[in-house]
């Protein structure tokens, strides 16, 4: 089996449609370790990729006014049990463009793999970018995922991000996202992660509402059990008139797991409004009893509730 077919097989295991990585109608980028195995451009989207000793440097540009009908598919992975992958990425979304990205990161055999993401994103005036990232780590817990992103949203732009990790062990996850939003812009950050055994999960999300009427929400849904630990630090700043921001964190804890939540709201303009809510606890007793009355045992019922919270079927 070729390296491309191997990573495509892992992509399918993580929930992706392998046919999309082979379609000439779909923009895509496939990276295994520090090798670019495939890159397909379509009108309005250009990609450049440079091999690094420990990963890949990629630059993706969406031309102004481009409306991309099908999501751009990105596949990043490490197939061997050990290794490091550093992805240095930049996205430039032209004024008035509308594009969605679906990224699958897969490390099915990992016993000691480090995956580092260093992202810079610029959503220009009136543009919209949606970025959905899904991870599959296998069952060993031998993965460190260290994503760091700096995002700027120009006037009237919109940026929506979802990070999902609920298949396999989380291992160690340390997210650090910061978004600066200009006037009439919107930013929403959404993290959905499940950890067990001795996984360690840290989520840092910061939204700075710097222009009039900018809006933002930092949302996280974390579930930990066994001896896992999670910490969520969500910050929203209202730095301009009529900005609206919200921090929303829910963590479910079972067994000997531990969790902490630190919602931070900061306002530097009296006309801004920023709110927060955080909840940590076990599953809802009434929901649990309802599911058990339908024939599920306690563990099965809890699993249904947790996966529902994480947005899974």
Protein backbone atom coordinates (compact mmCIF):
# COMPACT_ATOMS: atom_id res chain seq x y z
CA UNK A 1 0.00 0.00 0.00
CA UNK A 2 1.33 3.46 -0.94
CA UNK A 3 1.89 6.15 1.69
CA UNK A 4 -1.06 8.06 0.22
CA UNK A 5 -3.39 5.08 0.48
CA UNK A 6 -2.21 4.40 4.05
CA UNK A 7 -2.99 7.92 5.23
CA UNK A 8 -6.30 7.90 3.32
CA UNK A 9 -7.23 4.68 5.12
CA UNK A 10 -6.46 6.36 8.45
CA UNK A 11 -8.47 9.37 7.29
CA UNK A 12 -11.46 7.13 6.71
CA UNK A 13 -11.03 5.56 10.17
CA UNK A 14 -11.22 9.04 11.69
CA UNK A 15 -14.58 9.66 10.02
CA UNK A 16 -13.56 11.25 6.72
CA UNK A 17 -14.77 10.34 3.25
CA UNK A 18 -11.70 9.10 1.32
CA UNK A 19 -13.32 9.81 -2.05
CA UNK A 20 -13.14 13.52 -1.33
CA UNK A 21 -9.33 13.37 -1.16
CA UNK A 22 -9.26 11.88 -4.66
CA UNK A 23 -11.84 14.16 -6.30
CA UNK A 24 -10.54 16.86 -8.68
CA UNK A 25 -13.59 18.96 -7.77
CA UNK A 26 -12.60 19.20 -4.09
CA UNK A 27 -9.69 21.29 -2.84
CA UNK A 28 -7.56 19.14 -0.55
CA UNK A 29 -4.20 18.81 1.15
CA UNK A 30 -2.82 15.51 2.48
CA UNK A 31 0.21 15.46 4.78
CA UNK A 32 1.81 12.42 6.42
CA UNK A 33 4.63 13.22 8.82
CA UNK A 34 6.65 15.82 6.94
CA UNK A 35 5.62 14.72 3.44
CA UNK A 36 2.98 16.33 1.26
CA UNK A 37 1.30 13.36 -0.39
CA UNK A 38 -1.36 15.29 -2.25
CA UNK A 39 -2.49 18.86 -2.94
CA UNK A 40 -5.41 19.75 -5.17
CA UNK A 41 -6.27 23.34 -6.00
CA UNK A 42 -9.53 24.55 -7.50
CA UNK A 43 -10.37 27.96 -8.99
CA UNK A 44 -10.16 30.62 -6.29
CA UNK A 45 -7.97 28.59 -3.93
CA UNK A 46 -4.19 28.38 -4.06
CA UNK A 47 -1.93 26.28 -1.85
CA UNK A 48 1.80 26.24 -1.31
CA UNK A 49 3.49 23.65 0.88
CA UNK A 50 7.11 23.46 1.99
CA UNK A 51 8.70 20.44 3.63
CA UNK A 52 10.31 21.05 7.01
CA UNK A 53 12.64 18.66 8.87
CA UNK A 54 9.85 17.89 11.35
CA UNK A 55 6.70 18.78 9.41
CA UNK A 56 5.22 21.02 6.74
CA UNK A 57 4.75 24.74 6.22
CA UNK A 58 1.52 25.43 4.30
CA UNK A 59 -0.04 28.64 2.98
CA UNK A 60 -3.65 28.63 1.75
CA UNK A 61 -5.19 31.61 -0.02
CA UNK A 62 -8.85 32.08 -0.94
CA UNK A 63 -9.29 34.82 -3.53
CA UNK A 64 -11.59 37.76 -2.71
CA UNK A 65 -15.24 37.12 -3.47
CA UNK A 66 -14.76 33.36 -3.92
CA UNK A 67 -17.69 31.19 -2.85
CA UNK A 68 -16.40 27.64 -2.36
CA UNK A 69 -19.30 25.24 -2.85
CA UNK A 70 -17.68 22.16 -1.27
CA UNK A 71 -15.54 22.21 1.90
CA UNK A 72 -11.78 22.13 1.54
CA UNK A 73 -10.51 18.86 3.00
CA UNK A 74 -7.28 18.68 4.98
CA UNK A 75 -5.69 15.48 6.24
CA UNK A 76 -2.79 15.50 8.69
CA UNK A 77 -1.41 12.35 10.24
CA UNK A 78 1.46 10.27 11.54
CA UNK A 79 1.22 6.57 10.79
CA UNK A 80 4.27 5.19 12.68
CA UNK A 81 4.08 4.66 16.43
CA UNK A 82 6.66 7.38 17.14
CA UNK A 83 7.40 10.74 15.60
CA UNK A 84 6.79 14.46 15.50
CA UNK A 85 4.66 16.48 13.11
CA UNK A 86 4.79 20.27 13.09
CA UNK A 87 2.28 22.01 10.86
CA UNK A 88 2.99 25.71 10.34
CA UNK A 89 -0.08 26.97 8.53
CA UNK A 90 -1.41 30.30 7.34
CA UNK A 91 -4.83 31.01 5.89
CA UNK A 92 -5.68 34.20 4.00
CA UNK A 93 -9.41 34.46 3.33
CA UNK A 94 -10.02 37.26 0.83
CA UNK A 95 -12.62 39.98 1.28
CA UNK A 96 -16.15 38.73 0.73
CA UNK A 97 -15.10 35.09 0.32
CA UNK A 98 -17.03 32.19 1.87
CA UNK A 99 -15.24 28.91 2.57
CA UNK A 100 -15.39 25.92 4.89
CA UNK A 101 -12.48 23.66 5.88
CA UNK A 102 -12.76 20.14 7.26
CA UNK A 103 -9.55 18.83 8.82
CA UNK A 104 -8.97 15.29 10.04
CA UNK A 105 -5.91 14.60 12.21
CA UNK A 106 -5.19 10.92 12.71
CA UNK A 107 -2.57 9.04 14.74
CA UNK A 108 -3.92 5.48 14.88
CA UNK A 109 -0.74 3.68 16.01
CA UNK A 110 0.77 6.33 18.26
CA UNK A 111 2.75 5.36 21.32
CA UNK A 112 4.85 8.53 21.34
CA UNK A 113 3.75 11.11 18.78
CA UNK A 114 3.83 14.88 19.12
CA UNK A 115 1.60 16.94 16.84
CA UNK A 116 2.24 20.68 16.88
CA UNK A 117 -0.01 23.12 15.04
CA UNK A 118 1.07 26.74 14.62
CA UNK A 119 -1.68 28.55 12.76
CA UNK A 120 -2.17 32.12 11.55
CA UNK A 121 -5.56 33.00 10.09
CA UNK A 122 -6.71 36.26 8.51
CA UNK A 123 -10.39 36.59 7.64
CA UNK A 124 -10.67 39.76 5.63
CA UNK A 125 -13.54 42.23 5.40
CA UNK A 126 -16.93 40.61 4.92
CA UNK A 127 -15.49 37.10 4.51
CA UNK A 128 -16.68 33.92 6.24
CA UNK A 129 -14.50 30.99 7.29
CA UNK A 130 -15.64 27.78 8.98
CA UNK A 131 -13.01 25.39 10.29
CA UNK A 132 -13.94 21.96 11.67
CA UNK A 133 -11.12 19.81 13.06
CA UNK A 134 -11.64 16.18 14.11
CA UNK A 135 -9.02 13.98 15.81
CA UNK A 136 -8.56 10.21 16.04
CA UNK A 137 -5.80 9.03 18.37
CA UNK A 138 -6.13 5.29 18.91
CA UNK A 139 -6.21 3.72 22.35
CA UNK A 140 -2.65 4.04 23.69
CA UNK A 141 -2.79 7.67 24.86
CA UNK A 142 0.65 8.27 23.38
CA UNK A 143 -0.21 11.50 21.57
CA UNK A 144 0.58 15.09 22.46
CA UNK A 145 -1.53 17.61 20.55
CA UNK A 146 -0.37 21.20 20.88
CA UNK A 147 -2.44 23.49 18.63
CA UNK A 148 -1.84 27.23 18.76
CA UNK A 149 -3.72 29.66 16.54
CA UNK A 150 -3.76 33.42 16.15
CA UNK A 151 -6.80 34.64 14.24
CA UNK A 152 -7.79 38.11 13.06
CA UNK A 153 -11.27 38.90 11.77
CA UNK A 154 -11.66 42.14 9.84
CA UNK A 155 -14.78 44.32 9.74
CA UNK A 156 -17.91 42.30 9.01
CA UNK A 157 -15.99 39.04 8.82
CA UNK A 158 -17.06 35.78 10.41
CA UNK A 159 -14.96 32.96 11.84
CA UNK A 160 -16.36 29.70 13.24
CA UNK A 161 -14.11 26.99 14.65
CA UNK A 162 -14.91 23.53 16.04
CA UNK A 163 -12.30 21.20 17.57
CA UNK A 164 -13.52 17.66 18.22
CA UNK A 165 -11.75 14.75 19.90
CA UNK A 166 -13.96 11.93 21.12
CA UNK A 167 -12.60 8.83 19.39
CA UNK A 168 -9.68 7.15 21.12
CA UNK A 169 -7.55 8.45 23.97
CA UNK A 170 -6.94 12.17 24.08
CA UNK A 171 -3.44 11.74 25.51
CA UNK A 172 -2.22 15.26 26.18
CA UNK A 173 -4.07 18.16 24.58
CA UNK A 174 -3.01 21.78 25.13
CA UNK A 175 -5.01 24.20 22.98
CA UNK A 176 -4.30 27.93 22.79
CA UNK A 177 -6.50 30.01 20.45
CA UNK A 178 -6.73 33.81 20.34
CA UNK A 179 -9.09 35.79 18.09
CA UNK A 180 -9.16 39.55 17.48
CA UNK A 181 -12.46 40.77 16.05
CA UNK A 182 -13.04 44.10 14.29
CA UNK A 183 -16.28 46.07 13.93
CA UNK A 184 -19.40 44.01 13.12
CA UNK A 185 -17.31 40.84 13.05
CA UNK A 186 -18.21 37.50 14.63
CA UNK A 187 -16.05 34.79 16.18
CA UNK A 188 -17.18 31.50 17.71
CA UNK A 189 -14.83 28.90 19.19
CA UNK A 190 -16.18 25.47 20.09
CA UNK A 191 -14.16 22.66 21.72
CA UNK A 192 -15.57 19.15 22.29
CA UNK A 193 -13.14 16.71 23.93
CA UNK A 194 -13.40 13.44 25.84
CA UNK A 195 -10.59 12.11 28.02
CA UNK A 196 -10.09 8.99 30.09
CA UNK A 197 -7.37 6.89 31.77
CA UNK A 198 -4.69 9.50 32.62
CA UNK A 199 -5.36 11.95 29.77
CA UNK A 200 -4.66 15.64 30.38
CA UNK A 201 -6.73 18.28 28.57
CA UNK A 202 -6.12 22.03 28.64
CA UNK A 203 -8.22 24.46 26.61
CA UNK A 204 -7.36 28.16 26.39
CA UNK A 205 -9.68 30.27 24.27
CA UNK A 206 -9.48 34.06 24.07
CA UNK A 207 -11.75 36.35 22.07
CA UNK A 208 -10.98 40.07 21.96
CA UNK A 209 -13.86 42.16 20.66
CA UNK A 210 -12.03 45.25 19.46
CA UNK A 211 -14.51 46.89 17.06
CA UNK A 212 -17.98 48.30 17.52
CA UNK A 213 -20.78 45.72 17.56
CA UNK A 214 -18.36 42.80 17.35
CA UNK A 215 -19.68 39.52 18.78
CA UNK A 216 -18.00 36.43 20.11
CA UNK A 217 -18.54 33.20 22.00
CA UNK A 218 -16.04 30.74 23.50
CA UNK A 219 -17.81 27.43 24.10
CA UNK A 220 -16.39 24.18 25.48
CA UNK A 221 -17.83 20.77 26.26
CA UNK A 222 -15.39 18.46 28.06
CA UNK A 223 -15.97 14.99 29.53
CA UNK A 224 -13.37 13.19 31.67
CA UNK A 225 -13.40 9.91 33.55
CA UNK A 226 -11.00 7.46 35.24
CA UNK A 227 -8.01 9.59 36.33
CA UNK A 228 -8.13 12.16 33.53
CA UNK A 229 -7.82 15.89 34.19
CA UNK A 230 -9.24 18.85 32.32
CA UNK A 231 -8.81 22.60 32.64
CA UNK A 232 -10.66 25.24 30.63
CA UNK A 233 -9.67 28.90 30.58
CA UNK A 234 -12.08 30.96 28.49
CA UNK A 235 -11.56 34.69 28.10
CA UNK A 236 -13.73 37.23 26.33
CA UNK A 237 -12.94 40.94 26.21
CA UNK A 238 -15.33 43.75 25.31
CA UNK A 239 -13.04 46.53 24.12
CA UNK A 240 -15.41 48.61 22.01
CA UNK A 241 -18.96 50.02 22.16
CA UNK A 242 -21.91 47.63 21.79
CA UNK A 243 -19.80 44.49 21.67
CA UNK A 244 -21.40 41.27 22.92
CA UNK A 245 -19.43 38.29 24.22
CA UNK A 246 -20.07 35.08 26.12
CA UNK A 247 -18.02 32.27 27.70
CA UNK A 248 -19.86 28.93 28.04
CA UNK A 249 -18.15 25.94 29.65
CA UNK A 250 -19.62 22.57 30.67
CA UNK A 251 -17.49 19.73 32.04
CA UNK A 252 -18.71 16.26 33.04
CA UNK A 253 -16.61 14.39 35.59
CA UNK A 254 -16.76 10.69 36.51
CA UNK A 255 -14.72 8.29 38.66
CA UNK A 256 -11.51 9.89 40.01
CA UNK A 257 -11.21 12.45 37.23
CA UNK A 258 -10.75 16.14 38.04
CA UNK A 259 -11.80 19.28 36.20
CA UNK A 260 -11.50 23.03 36.56
CA UNK A 261 -13.01 25.96 34.71
CA UNK A 262 -11.82 29.57 34.73
CA UNK A 263 -14.16 31.89 32.79
CA UNK A 264 -12.67 35.37 32.43
CA UNK A 265 -14.62 38.40 31.25
CA UNK A 266 -12.94 41.75 30.76
CA UNK A 267 -14.58 45.00 29.69
CA UNK A 268 -12.78 48.22 28.79
CA UNK A 269 -15.79 50.08 27.35
CA UNK A 270 -18.89 50.64 29.48
CA UNK A 271 -21.18 50.02 26.49
CA UNK A 272 -19.89 46.48 26.02
CA UNK A 273 -21.64 43.45 27.49
CA UNK A 274 -19.75 40.23 28.27
CA UNK A 275 -21.21 37.29 30.21
CA UNK A 276 -20.05 33.86 31.33
CA UNK A 277 -21.33 30.57 32.70
CA UNK A 278 -19.51 27.44 33.78
CA UNK A 279 -20.79 24.13 35.11
CA UNK A 280 -18.86 21.11 36.37
CA UNK A 281 -20.51 17.95 37.62
CA UNK A 282 -21.72 14.48 36.84
CA UNK A 283 -24.40 13.51 34.34
CA UNK A 284 -27.97 14.62 34.93
CA UNK A 285 -29.73 12.10 37.19
CA UNK A 286 -33.10 12.41 35.44
CA UNK A 287 -31.56 11.83 32.00
CA UNK A 288 -29.68 8.82 33.37
CA UNK A 289 -32.81 7.28 34.88
CA UNK A 290 -34.77 7.84 31.66
CA UNK A 291 -32.21 6.02 29.55
CA UNK A 292 -31.85 3.17 32.05
CA UNK A 293 -35.64 2.72 32.05
CA UNK A 294 -35.31 2.02 28.32
CA UNK A 295 -32.99 -0.93 28.84
CA UNK A 296 -29.51 0.61 29.00
CA UNK A 297 -27.19 -0.16 31.88
CA UNK A 298 -25.60 2.74 33.75
CA UNK A 299 -22.35 2.82 31.74
CA UNK A 300 -24.22 2.70 28.44
CA UNK A 301 -26.59 5.45 29.55
CA UNK A 302 -23.73 7.69 30.67
CA UNK A 303 -21.97 7.12 27.36
CA UNK A 304 -25.10 8.19 25.44
CA UNK A 305 -25.39 11.37 27.51
CA UNK A 306 -21.72 12.27 27.12
CA UNK A 307 -21.71 11.69 23.38
CA UNK A 308 -24.87 13.73 23.05
CA UNK A 309 -23.16 16.60 24.86
CA UNK A 310 -20.21 16.29 22.49
CA UNK A 311 -22.54 16.52 19.52
CA UNK A 312 -22.28 12.90 18.43
CA UNK A 313 -25.11 10.64 17.39
